[in-house]
Amino acid sequence: LVQSHMGSIHLLPALPKAWPTGNVKGLCARGGFEVELRWENGRLVQAVIHSKAGLPCRVAYGDRKWEFTTVAGKSYPLSLAEGAPRR
């Protein structure tokens, strides 16, 4: 559901077809991040990154990419709306 390597967090890189709709909280990613996801019909509809360490964060989902600074203890919802600006 989440893969973190080479400085990036990849969301839903290999979602099983048996799980077309679902959600998860508390997935740990490298760099001191915790990930919360919700997907419907095999597509991500909500993602929140929780920073534990305050390090810079890079996230990818398909061809979408976000890069932002974080503060320890803060949460960062990602904009997934079609046509929304990328961070």
PDB file of N, CA and C in Angstrom:
ATOM      1  N   LEU A   1       0.816  -1.211   0.000  1.00  0.00           N
ATOM      2  CA  LEU A   1       0.000   0.000   0.000  1.00  0.00           C
ATOM      3  C   LEU A   1       0.852   1.264   0.000  1.00  0.00           C
ATOM      4  N   VAL A   2       2.027   1.189   0.658  1.00  0.00           N
ATOM      5  CA  VAL A   2       2.969   2.315   0.679  1.00  0.00           C
ATOM      6  C   VAL A   2       4.365   1.756   0.515  1.00  0.00           C
ATOM      7  N   GLN A   3       5.159   2.437  -0.281  1.00  0.00           N
ATOM      8  CA  GLN A   3       6.563   2.075  -0.427  1.00  0.00           C
ATOM      9  C   GLN A   3       7.377   3.330  -0.228  1.00  0.00           C
ATOM     10  N   SER A   4       8.370   3.262   0.646  1.00  0.00           N
ATOM     11  CA  SER A   4       9.224   4.440   0.841  1.00  0.00           C
ATOM     12  C   SER A   4      10.675   4.022   0.623  1.00  0.00           C
ATOM     13  N   HIS A   5      11.296   4.675  -0.341  1.00  0.00           N
ATOM     14  CA  HIS A   5      12.701   4.431  -0.638  1.00  0.00           C
ATOM     15  C   HIS A   5      13.236   5.595  -1.461  1.00  0.00           C
ATOM     16  N   MET A   6      14.540   5.742  -1.461  1.00  0.00           N
ATOM     17  CA  MET A   6      15.214   6.786  -2.228  1.00  0.00           C
ATOM     18  C   MET A   6      14.622   8.169  -1.959  1.00  0.00           C
ATOM     19  N   GLY A   7      14.195   8.408  -0.710  1.00  0.00           N
ATOM     20  CA  GLY A   7      13.730   9.730  -0.316  1.00  0.00           C
ATOM     21  C   GLY A   7      12.300  10.068  -0.688  1.00  0.00           C
ATOM     22  N   SER A   8      11.534   9.115  -1.210  1.00  0.00           N
ATOM     23  CA  SER A   8      10.141   9.381  -1.596  1.00  0.00           C
ATOM     24  C   SER A   8       9.202   8.347  -0.996  1.00  0.00           C
ATOM     25  N   ILE A   9       7.968   8.782  -0.765  1.00  0.00           N
ATOM     26  CA  ILE A   9       6.902   7.893  -0.321  1.00  0.00           C
ATOM     27  C   ILE A   9       5.987   7.673  -1.526  1.00  0.00           C
ATOM     28  N   HIS A  10       5.810   6.425  -1.933  1.00  0.00           N
ATOM     29  CA  HIS A  10       4.948   6.089  -3.064  1.00  0.00           C
ATOM     30  C   HIS A  10       3.644   5.511  -2.525  1.00  0.00           C
ATOM     31  N   LEU A  11       2.522   6.111  -2.925  1.00  0.00           N
ATOM     32  CA  LEU A  11       1.215   5.706  -2.432  1.00  0.00           C
ATOM     33  C   LEU A  11       0.545   4.721  -3.389  1.00  0.00           C
ATOM     34  N   LEU A  12       0.007   3.653  -2.847  1.00  0.00           N
ATOM     35  CA  LEU A  12      -0.685   2.594  -3.589  1.00  0.00           C
ATOM     36  C   LEU A  12       0.090   2.111  -4.820  1.00  0.00           C
ATOM     37  N   PRO A  13       1.367   1.737  -4.648  1.00  0.00           N
ATOM     38  CA  PRO A  13       2.133   1.283  -5.807  1.00  0.00           C
ATOM     39  C   PRO A  13       1.673  -0.080  -6.331  1.00  0.00           C
ATOM     40  N   ALA A  14       1.016  -0.879  -5.484  1.00  0.00           N
ATOM     41  CA  ALA A  14       0.593  -2.218  -5.911  1.00  0.00           C
ATOM     42  C   ALA A  14      -0.681  -2.610  -5.168  1.00  0.00           C
ATOM     43  N   LEU A  15      -1.750  -1.879  -5.394  1.00  0.00           N
ATOM     44  CA  LEU A  15      -3.018  -2.161  -4.728  1.00  0.00           C
ATOM     45  C   LEU A  15      -3.608  -3.471  -5.260  1.00  0.00           C
ATOM     46  N   PRO A  16      -3.877  -4.436  -4.377  1.00  0.00           N
ATOM     47  CA  PRO A  16      -4.466  -5.696  -4.842  1.00  0.00           C
ATOM     48  C   PRO A  16      -5.858  -5.477  -5.438  1.00  0.00           C
ATOM     49  N   LYS A  17      -6.167  -6.156  -6.522  1.00  0.00           N
ATOM     50  CA  LYS A  17      -7.484  -6.029  -7.160  1.00  0.00           C
ATOM     51  C   LYS A  17      -8.608  -6.469  -6.221  1.00  0.00           C
ATOM     52  N   ALA A  18      -8.287  -7.325  -5.266  1.00  0.00           N
ATOM     53  CA  ALA A  18      -9.284  -7.807  -4.304  1.00  0.00           C
ATOM     54  C   ALA A  18      -9.690  -6.720  -3.306  1.00  0.00           C
ATOM     55  N   TRP A  19      -8.973  -5.601  -3.287  1.00  0.00           N
ATOM     56  CA  TRP A  19      -9.267  -4.491  -2.374  1.00  0.00           C
ATOM     57  C   TRP A  19      -9.611  -3.231  -3.162  1.00  0.00           C
ATOM     58  N   PRO A  20     -10.679  -3.191  -3.943  1.00  0.00           N
ATOM     59  CA  PRO A  20     -10.980  -2.021  -4.770  1.00  0.00           C
ATOM     60  C   PRO A  20     -11.305  -0.771  -3.954  1.00  0.00           C
ATOM     61  N   THR A  21     -11.829  -0.959  -2.750  1.00  0.00           N
ATOM     62  CA  THR A  21     -12.180   0.158  -1.886  1.00  0.00           C
ATOM     63  C   THR A  21     -11.686  -0.154  -0.479  1.00  0.00           C
ATOM     64  N   GLY A  22     -11.129   0.863   0.182  1.00  0.00           N
ATOM     65  CA  GLY A  22     -10.653   0.634   1.541  1.00  0.00           C
ATOM     66  C   GLY A  22      -9.969   1.846   2.115  1.00  0.00           C
ATOM     67  N   ASN A  23      -9.448   1.671   3.314  1.00  0.00           N
ATOM     68  CA  ASN A  23      -8.687   2.734   3.968  1.00  0.00           C
ATOM     69  C   ASN A  23      -7.734   2.116   4.956  1.00  0.00           C
ATOM     70  N   VAL A  24      -6.730   2.881   5.312  1.00  0.00           N
ATOM     71  CA  VAL A  24      -5.720   2.420   6.248  1.00  0.00           C
ATOM     72  C   VAL A  24      -5.140   3.635   6.965  1.00  0.00           C
ATOM     73  N   LYS A  25      -4.757   3.443   8.205  1.00  0.00           N
ATOM     74  CA  LYS A  25      -4.100   4.498   8.997  1.00  0.00           C
ATOM     75  C   LYS A  25      -2.894   3.878   9.679  1.00  0.00           C
ATOM     76  N   GLY A  26      -1.897   4.705   9.932  1.00  0.00           N
ATOM     77  CA  GLY A  26      -0.763   4.264  10.719  1.00  0.00           C
ATOM     78  C   GLY A  26       0.348   3.560   9.979  1.00  0.00           C
ATOM     79  N   LEU A  27       0.370   3.620   8.647  1.00  0.00           N
ATOM     80  CA  LEU A  27       1.472   3.009   7.907  1.00  0.00           C
ATOM     81  C   LEU A  27       2.723   3.853   8.087  1.00  0.00           C
ATOM     82  N   CYS A  28       3.825   3.220   8.453  1.00  0.00           N
ATOM     83  CA  CYS A  28       5.078   3.947   8.686  1.00  0.00           C
ATOM     84  C   CYS A  28       5.884   4.041   7.395  1.00  0.00           C
ATOM     85  N   ALA A  29       6.469   5.209   7.184  1.00  0.00           N
ATOM     86  CA  ALA A  29       7.332   5.439   6.020  1.00  0.00           C
ATOM     87  C   ALA A  29       8.652   6.008   6.508  1.00  0.00           C
ATOM     88  N   ARG A  30       9.695   5.771   5.752  1.00  0.00           N
ATOM     89  CA  ARG A  30      11.022   6.280   6.114  1.00  0.00           C
ATOM     90  C   ARG A  30      11.006   7.788   6.247  1.00  0.00           C
ATOM     91  N   GLY A  31      11.841   8.286   7.127  1.00  0.00           N
ATOM     92  CA  GLY A  31      11.948   9.724   7.344  1.00  0.00           C
ATOM     93  C   GLY A  31      11.070  10.200   8.489  1.00  0.00           C
ATOM     94  N   GLY A  32      10.473   9.276   9.214  1.00  0.00           N
ATOM     95  CA  GLY A  32       9.636   9.657  10.341  1.00  0.00           C
ATOM     96  C   GLY A  32       8.245  10.114   9.926  1.00  0.00           C
ATOM     97  N   PHE A  33       7.648   9.437   8.948  1.00  0.00           N
ATOM     98  CA  PHE A  33       6.311   9.794   8.482  1.00  0.00           C
ATOM     99  C   PHE A  33       5.331   8.653   8.744  1.00  0.00           C
ATOM    100  N   GLU A  34       4.091   9.021   8.991  1.00  0.00           N
ATOM    101  CA  GLU A  34       3.002   8.064   9.127  1.00  0.00           C
ATOM    102  C   GLU A  34       1.968   8.427   8.067  1.00  0.00           C
ATOM    103  N   VAL A  35       1.426   7.419   7.392  1.00  0.00           N
ATOM    104  CA  VAL A  35       0.562   7.653   6.238  1.00  0.00           C
ATOM    105  C   VAL A  35      -0.850   7.128   6.509  1.00  0.00           C
ATOM    106  N   GLU A  36      -1.819   7.928   6.065  1.00  0.00           N
ATOM    107  CA  GLU A  36      -3.241   7.576   6.156  1.00  0.00           C
ATOM    108  C   GLU A  36      -3.815   7.671   4.745  1.00  0.00           C
ATOM    109  N   LEU A  37      -4.498   6.619   4.292  1.00  0.00           N
ATOM    110  CA  LEU A  37      -5.012   6.571   2.922  1.00  0.00           C
ATOM    111  C   LEU A  37      -6.461   6.102   2.886  1.00  0.00           C
ATOM    112  N   ARG A  38      -7.188   6.584   1.866  1.00  0.00           N
ATOM    113  CA  ARG A  38      -8.520   6.065   1.556  1.00  0.00           C
ATOM    114  C   ARG A  38      -8.618   5.987   0.035  1.00  0.00           C
ATOM    115  N   TRP A  39      -9.107   4.855  -0.474  1.00  0.00           N
ATOM    116  CA  TRP A  39      -9.243   4.690  -1.916  1.00  0.00           C
ATOM    117  C   TRP A  39     -10.605   4.108  -2.235  1.00  0.00           C
ATOM    118  N   GLU A  40     -11.093   4.427  -3.438  1.00  0.00           N
ATOM    119  CA  GLU A  40     -12.373   3.933  -3.932  1.00  0.00           C
ATOM    120  C   GLU A  40     -12.204   3.523  -5.388  1.00  0.00           C
ATOM    121  N   ASN A  41     -12.771   2.391  -5.756  1.00  0.00           N
ATOM    122  CA  ASN A  41     -12.671   1.884  -7.131  1.00  0.00           C
ATOM    123  C   ASN A  41     -11.232   1.845  -7.624  1.00  0.00           C
ATOM    124  N   GLY A  42     -10.308   1.495  -6.733  1.00  0.00           N
ATOM    125  CA  GLY A  42      -8.904   1.367  -7.099  1.00  0.00           C
ATOM    126  C   GLY A  42      -8.141   2.666  -7.237  1.00  0.00           C
ATOM    127  N   ARG A  43      -8.794   3.800  -6.888  1.00  0.00           N
ATOM    128  CA  ARG A  43      -8.134   5.106  -7.019  1.00  0.00           C
ATOM    129  C   ARG A  43      -8.064   5.804  -5.673  1.00  0.00           C
ATOM    130  N   LEU A  44      -6.945   6.438  -5.421  1.00  0.00           N
ATOM    131  CA  LEU A  44      -6.736   7.171  -4.181  1.00  0.00           C
ATOM    132  C   LEU A  44      -7.657   8.380  -4.127  1.00  0.00           C
ATOM    133  N   VAL A  45      -8.396   8.545  -3.021  1.00  0.00           N
ATOM    134  CA  VAL A  45      -9.296   9.687  -2.875  1.00  0.00           C
ATOM    135  C   VAL A  45      -8.919  10.566  -1.689  1.00  0.00           C
ATOM    136  N   GLN A  46      -8.093  10.045  -0.771  1.00  0.00           N
ATOM    137  CA  GLN A  46      -7.655  10.854   0.362  1.00  0.00           C
ATOM    138  C   GLN A  46      -6.309  10.338   0.836  1.00  0.00           C
ATOM    139  N   ALA A  47      -5.407  11.274   1.142  1.00  0.00           N
ATOM    140  CA  ALA A  47      -4.104  10.920   1.695  1.00  0.00           C
ATOM    141  C   ALA A  47      -3.673  12.012   2.666  1.00  0.00           C
ATOM    142  N   VAL A  48      -3.200  11.577   3.819  1.00  0.00           N
ATOM    143  CA  VAL A  48      -2.686  12.503   4.820  1.00  0.00           C
ATOM    144  C   VAL A  48      -1.337  11.974   5.274  1.00  0.00           C
ATOM    145  N   ILE A  49      -0.346  12.860   5.297  1.00  0.00           N
ATOM    146  CA  ILE A  49       0.986  12.522   5.772  1.00  0.00           C
ATOM    147  C   ILE A  49       1.160  13.175   7.138  1.00  0.00           C
ATOM    148  N   HIS A  50       1.512  12.376   8.134  1.00  0.00           N
ATOM    149  CA  HIS A  50       1.763  12.872   9.479  1.00  0.00           C
ATOM    150  C   HIS A  50       3.273  12.856   9.697  1.00  0.00           C
ATOM    151  N   SER A  51       3.840  14.008  10.061  1.00  0.00           N
ATOM    152  CA  SER A  51       5.279  14.113  10.261  1.00  0.00           C
ATOM    153  C   SER A  51       5.626  13.878  11.728  1.00  0.00           C
ATOM    154  N   LYS A  52       6.516  12.952  11.965  1.00  0.00           N
ATOM    155  CA  LYS A  52       6.983  12.676  13.328  1.00  0.00           C
ATOM    156  C   LYS A  52       8.308  13.377  13.612  1.00  0.00           C
ATOM    157  N   ALA A  53       9.106  13.637  12.561  1.00  0.00           N
ATOM    158  CA  ALA A  53      10.456  14.152  12.746  1.00  0.00           C
ATOM    159  C   ALA A  53      10.681  15.547  12.178  1.00  0.00           C
ATOM    160  N   GLY A  54       9.750  16.057  11.389  1.00  0.00           N
ATOM    161  CA  GLY A  54       9.914  17.395  10.828  1.00  0.00           C
ATOM    162  C   GLY A  54      10.868  17.477   9.651  1.00  0.00           C
ATOM    163  N   LEU A  55      11.055  16.388   8.946  1.00  0.00           N
ATOM    164  CA  LEU A  55      11.955  16.377   7.792  1.00  0.00           C
ATOM    165  C   LEU A  55      11.200  16.753   6.514  1.00  0.00           C
ATOM    166  N   PRO A  56      11.920  17.165   5.461  1.00  0.00           N
ATOM    167  CA  PRO A  56      11.265  17.420   4.171  1.00  0.00           C
ATOM    168  C   PRO A  56      10.607  16.138   3.670  1.00  0.00           C
ATOM    169  N   CYS A  57       9.512  16.284   2.928  1.00  0.00           N
ATOM    170  CA  CYS A  57       8.739  15.132   2.472  1.00  0.00           C
ATOM    171  C   CYS A  57       8.528  15.195   0.964  1.00  0.00           C
ATOM    172  N   ARG A  58       8.702  14.028   0.316  1.00  0.00           N
ATOM    173  CA  ARG A  58       8.394  13.879  -1.108  1.00  0.00           C
ATOM    174  C   ARG A  58       7.439  12.703  -1.243  1.00  0.00           C
ATOM    175  N   VAL A  59       6.343  12.927  -1.970  1.00  0.00           N
ATOM    176  CA  VAL A  59       5.307  11.911  -2.123  1.00  0.00           C
ATOM    177  C   VAL A  59       4.985  11.764  -3.611  1.00  0.00           C
ATOM    178  N   ALA A  60       4.710  10.533  -4.027  1.00  0.00           N
ATOM    179  CA  ALA A  60       4.309  10.273  -5.409  1.00  0.00           C
ATOM    180  C   ALA A  60       3.109   9.339  -5.416  1.00  0.00           C
ATOM    181  N   TYR A  61       2.179   9.624  -6.346  1.00  0.00           N
ATOM    182  CA  TYR A  61       1.049   8.739  -6.618  1.00  0.00           C
ATOM    183  C   TYR A  61       0.821   8.788  -8.119  1.00  0.00           C
ATOM    184  N   GLY A  62       1.100   7.679  -8.794  1.00  0.00           N
ATOM    185  CA  GLY A  62       1.025   7.686 -10.252  1.00  0.00           C
ATOM    186  C   GLY A  62       1.960   8.748 -10.797  1.00  0.00           C
ATOM    187  N   ASP A  63       1.436   9.652 -11.630  1.00  0.00           N
ATOM    188  CA  ASP A  63       2.273  10.724 -12.178  1.00  0.00           C
ATOM    189  C   ASP A  63       2.213  11.999 -11.332  1.00  0.00           C
ATOM    190  N   ARG A  64       1.477  11.985 -10.236  1.00  0.00           N
ATOM    191  CA  ARG A  64       1.379  13.148  -9.335  1.00  0.00           C
ATOM    192  C   ARG A  64       2.542  13.132  -8.350  1.00  0.00           C
ATOM    193  N   LYS A  65       3.064  14.312  -8.051  1.00  0.00           N
ATOM    194  CA  LYS A  65       4.170  14.431  -7.098  1.00  0.00           C
ATOM    195  C   LYS A  65       3.949  15.649  -6.209  1.00  0.00           C
ATOM    196  N   TRP A  66       4.322  15.505  -4.952  1.00  0.00           N
ATOM    197  CA  TRP A  66       4.281  16.607  -3.986  1.00  0.00           C
ATOM    198  C   TRP A  66       5.620  16.646  -3.278  1.00  0.00           C
ATOM    199  N   GLU A  67       6.063  17.846  -2.947  1.00  0.00           N
ATOM    200  CA  GLU A  67       7.291  18.017  -2.178  1.00  0.00           C
ATOM    201  C   GLU A  67       7.070  19.208  -1.259  1.00  0.00           C
ATOM    202  N   PHE A  68       7.306  19.011   0.042  1.00  0.00           N
ATOM    203  CA  PHE A  68       7.028  20.070   1.000  1.00  0.00           C
ATOM    204  C   PHE A  68       7.860  19.886   2.272  1.00  0.00           C
ATOM    205  N   THR A  69       8.054  20.977   2.985  1.00  0.00           N
ATOM    206  CA  THR A  69       8.717  20.922   4.284  1.00  0.00           C
ATOM    207  C   THR A  69       7.671  20.571   5.335  1.00  0.00           C
ATOM    208  N   THR A  70       8.100  19.960   6.426  1.00  0.00           N
ATOM    209  CA  THR A  70       7.163  19.576   7.474  1.00  0.00           C
ATOM    210  C   THR A  70       7.664  20.045   8.834  1.00  0.00           C
ATOM    211  N   VAL A  71       6.751  20.034   9.780  1.00  0.00           N
ATOM    212  CA  VAL A  71       7.040  20.337  11.179  1.00  0.00           C
ATOM    213  C   VAL A  71       6.625  19.105  11.974  1.00  0.00           C
ATOM    214  N   ALA A  72       7.474  18.669  12.896  1.00  0.00           N
ATOM    215  CA  ALA A  72       7.162  17.497  13.709  1.00  0.00           C
ATOM    216  C   ALA A  72       5.827  17.689  14.420  1.00  0.00           C
ATOM    217  N   GLY A  73       4.987  16.666  14.352  1.00  0.00           N
ATOM    218  CA  GLY A  73       3.694  16.704  15.015  1.00  0.00           C
ATOM    219  C   GLY A  73       2.562  17.263  14.169  1.00  0.00           C
ATOM    220  N   LYS A  74       2.857  17.745  12.970  1.00  0.00           N
ATOM    221  CA  LYS A  74       1.824  18.309  12.093  1.00  0.00           C
ATOM    222  C   LYS A  74       1.397  17.279  11.038  1.00  0.00           C
ATOM    223  N   SER A  75       0.190  17.480  10.506  1.00  0.00           N
ATOM    224  CA  SER A  75      -0.362  16.608   9.470  1.00  0.00           C
ATOM    225  C   SER A  75      -0.554  17.389   8.183  1.00  0.00           C
ATOM    226  N   TYR A  76      -0.381  16.697   7.056  1.00  0.00           N
ATOM    227  CA  TYR A  76      -0.416  17.341   5.748  1.00  0.00           C
ATOM    228  C   TYR A  76      -1.327  16.570   4.790  1.00  0.00           C
ATOM    229  N   PRO A  77      -2.586  17.029   4.629  1.00  0.00           N
ATOM    230  CA  PRO A  77      -3.468  16.393   3.647  1.00  0.00           C
ATOM    231  C   PRO A  77      -3.007  16.758   2.236  1.00  0.00           C
ATOM    232  N   LEU A  78      -3.015  15.789   1.343  1.00  0.00           N
ATOM    233  CA  LEU A  78      -2.604  16.034  -0.041  1.00  0.00           C
ATOM    234  C   LEU A  78      -3.833  16.334  -0.885  1.00  0.00           C
ATOM    235  N   SER A  79      -3.720  17.307  -1.755  1.00  0.00           N
ATOM    236  CA  SER A  79      -4.814  17.640  -2.665  1.00  0.00           C
ATOM    237  C   SER A  79      -4.810  16.645  -3.809  1.00  0.00           C
ATOM    238  N   LEU A  80      -5.909  15.897  -3.936  1.00  0.00           N
ATOM    239  CA  LEU A  80      -6.019  14.891  -4.990  1.00  0.00           C
ATOM    240  C   LEU A  80      -7.051  15.253  -6.037  1.00  0.00           C
ATOM    241  N   ALA A  81      -7.679  16.428  -5.904  1.00  0.00           N
ATOM    242  CA  ALA A  81      -8.724  16.851  -6.849  1.00  0.00           C
ATOM    243  C   ALA A  81      -8.123  17.010  -8.237  1.00  0.00           C
ATOM    244  N   GLU A  82      -8.884  16.602  -9.232  1.00  0.00           N
ATOM    245  CA  GLU A  82      -8.443  16.763 -10.627  1.00  0.00           C
ATOM    246  C   GLU A  82      -8.232  18.254 -10.911  1.00  0.00           C
ATOM    247  N   GLY A  83      -7.129  18.565 -11.517  1.00  0.00           N
ATOM    248  CA  GLY A  83      -6.841  19.936 -11.871  1.00  0.00           C
ATOM    249  C   GLY A  83      -6.303  20.779 -10.741  1.00  0.00           C
ATOM    250  N   ALA A  84      -6.202  20.210  -9.545  1.00  0.00           N
ATOM    251  CA  ALA A  84      -5.672  20.978  -8.423  1.00  0.00           C
ATOM    252  C   ALA A  84      -4.170  21.151  -8.605  1.00  0.00           C
ATOM    253  N   PRO A  85      -3.640  22.285  -8.160  1.00  0.00           N
ATOM    254  CA  PRO A  85      -2.184  22.477  -8.290  1.00  0.00           C
ATOM    255  C   PRO A  85      -1.429  21.453  -7.464  1.00  0.00           C
ATOM    256  N   ARG A  86      -0.301  21.054  -7.969  1.00  0.00           N
ATOM    257  CA  ARG A  86       0.553  20.107  -7.257  1.00  0.00           C
ATOM    258  C   ARG A  86       1.455  20.871  -6.324  1.00  0.00           C
ATOM    259  N   ARG A  87       1.725  20.288  -5.188  1.00  0.00           N
ATOM    260  CA  ARG A  87       2.619  20.909  -4.215  1.00  0.00           C
ATOM    261  C   ARG A  87       4.052  20.634  -4.566  1.00  0.00           C
TER     262      ARG A  87
END
